[in-house]
Amino acid sequence: MFLVSCISYPELYERKYAMNLIQLEKAIKEHKIVENIKDGIADGLLHGERDDTKTHHYYKVGYDYGCVMFDMLGTSVCRTEINDKGIDE
């Protein structure tokens, strides 16, 4: 667990830095972390262009991951050709 590796055990028992799972889930939803990662992956993998209006840290992480996934596919087809074909074809 990340929390356990970052702080010592006495601090954990004192609950100085501990966050329960409900609070963590609320924080994730409040800051739209998952949505930003998904948007970044989609832009990196499908479009190949970063949306300059999105400055969220997790969007940038998702975008970089999407670009890496595209490179790992090893395809010589450019992204615009993939987008022109559509999903159903």
Protein backbone atom coordinates (compact mmCIF):
# COMPACT_ATOMS: atom_id res chain seq x y z
CA MET A 1 0.00 0.00 0.00
CA PHE A 2 1.20 3.48 -0.86
CA LEU A 3 0.09 4.95 2.46
CA VAL A 4 2.01 2.36 4.45
CA SER A 5 5.20 2.84 2.45
CA CYS A 6 5.19 6.64 2.82
CA ILE A 7 4.79 6.98 6.57
CA SER A 8 6.06 5.10 9.54
CA TYR A 9 3.84 2.74 11.47
CA PRO A 10 3.52 4.87 14.65
CA GLU A 11 2.07 7.67 12.52
CA LEU A 12 -0.35 5.21 11.00
CA TYR A 13 -1.60 4.12 14.39
CA GLU A 14 -1.94 7.73 15.48
CA ARG A 15 -3.97 8.27 12.28
CA LYS A 16 -2.22 11.57 11.53
CA TYR A 17 -2.13 10.95 7.80
CA ALA A 18 -4.60 8.13 7.42
CA MET A 19 -7.59 8.66 5.14
CA ASN A 20 -10.40 6.18 5.12
CA LEU A 21 -11.53 4.71 1.82
CA ILE A 22 -14.78 6.65 1.73
CA GLN A 23 -12.90 9.95 2.00
CA LEU A 24 -10.45 8.80 -0.66
CA GLU A 25 -13.24 7.85 -3.05
CA LYS A 26 -14.95 11.22 -2.50
CA ALA A 27 -11.68 13.06 -3.17
CA ILE A 28 -11.13 11.08 -6.39
CA LYS A 29 -14.63 11.91 -7.61
CA GLU A 30 -14.41 15.54 -6.52
CA HIS A 31 -11.19 16.15 -8.42
CA LYS A 32 -12.35 14.08 -11.43
CA ILE A 33 -9.13 12.09 -11.50
CA VAL A 34 -10.47 9.08 -13.41
CA GLU A 35 -12.26 11.25 -15.98
CA ASN A 36 -9.11 13.25 -16.64
CA ILE A 37 -6.99 10.12 -17.06
CA LYS A 38 -9.53 8.69 -19.53
CA ASP A 39 -9.65 11.93 -21.52
CA GLY A 40 -5.87 12.05 -21.68
CA ILE A 41 -5.56 8.45 -22.83
CA ALA A 42 -8.18 9.00 -25.53
CA ASP A 43 -6.44 12.12 -26.80
CA GLY A 44 -3.02 10.46 -26.82
CA LEU A 45 -4.12 7.18 -28.33
CA LEU A 46 -6.80 8.29 -30.77
CA HIS A 47 -6.10 11.92 -31.63
CA GLY A 48 -2.40 12.42 -30.99
CA GLU A 49 -2.96 16.01 -29.95
CA ARG A 50 -2.96 17.36 -26.43
CA ASP A 51 -5.87 19.59 -25.50
CA ASP A 52 -4.22 22.80 -24.28
CA THR A 53 -7.31 23.78 -22.30
CA LYS A 54 -6.91 20.76 -20.01
CA THR A 55 -4.21 21.43 -17.46
CA HIS A 56 -5.06 18.74 -14.90
CA HIS A 57 -2.04 16.67 -13.84
CA TYR A 58 -3.85 13.38 -14.41
CA TYR A 59 -4.91 14.43 -17.91
CA LYS A 60 -1.22 14.88 -18.76
CA VAL A 61 -0.39 11.49 -17.24
CA GLY A 62 -3.18 9.87 -19.28
CA TYR A 63 -2.08 11.63 -22.47
CA ASP A 64 1.50 10.41 -22.09
CA TYR A 65 0.23 6.89 -21.42
CA GLY A 66 -2.02 7.04 -24.49
CA CYS A 67 0.92 8.07 -26.67
CA VAL A 68 3.01 5.21 -25.29
CA MET A 69 0.18 2.76 -25.98
CA PHE A 70 -0.07 4.04 -29.56
CA ASP A 71 3.68 3.60 -30.05
CA MET A 72 3.54 0.10 -28.56
CA LEU A 73 0.92 -0.91 -31.11
CA GLY A 74 3.60 -0.50 -33.76
CA THR A 75 1.15 0.62 -36.40
CA SER A 76 2.22 2.65 -39.41
CA VAL A 77 -1.28 4.05 -39.87
CA CYS A 78 -1.59 7.67 -38.81
CA ARG A 79 -4.21 8.59 -36.26
CA THR A 80 -6.33 10.59 -38.71
CA GLU A 81 -6.77 7.53 -40.92
CA ILE A 82 -7.87 5.52 -37.90
CA ASN A 83 -10.36 8.24 -36.92
CA ASP A 84 -11.73 8.48 -40.49
CA LYS A 85 -12.55 4.78 -40.60
CA GLY A 86 -14.77 5.00 -37.54
CA ILE A 87 -15.34 2.50 -34.77
CA ASP A 88 -17.96 0.30 -36.46
CA GLU A 89 -15.92 -0.53 -39.56
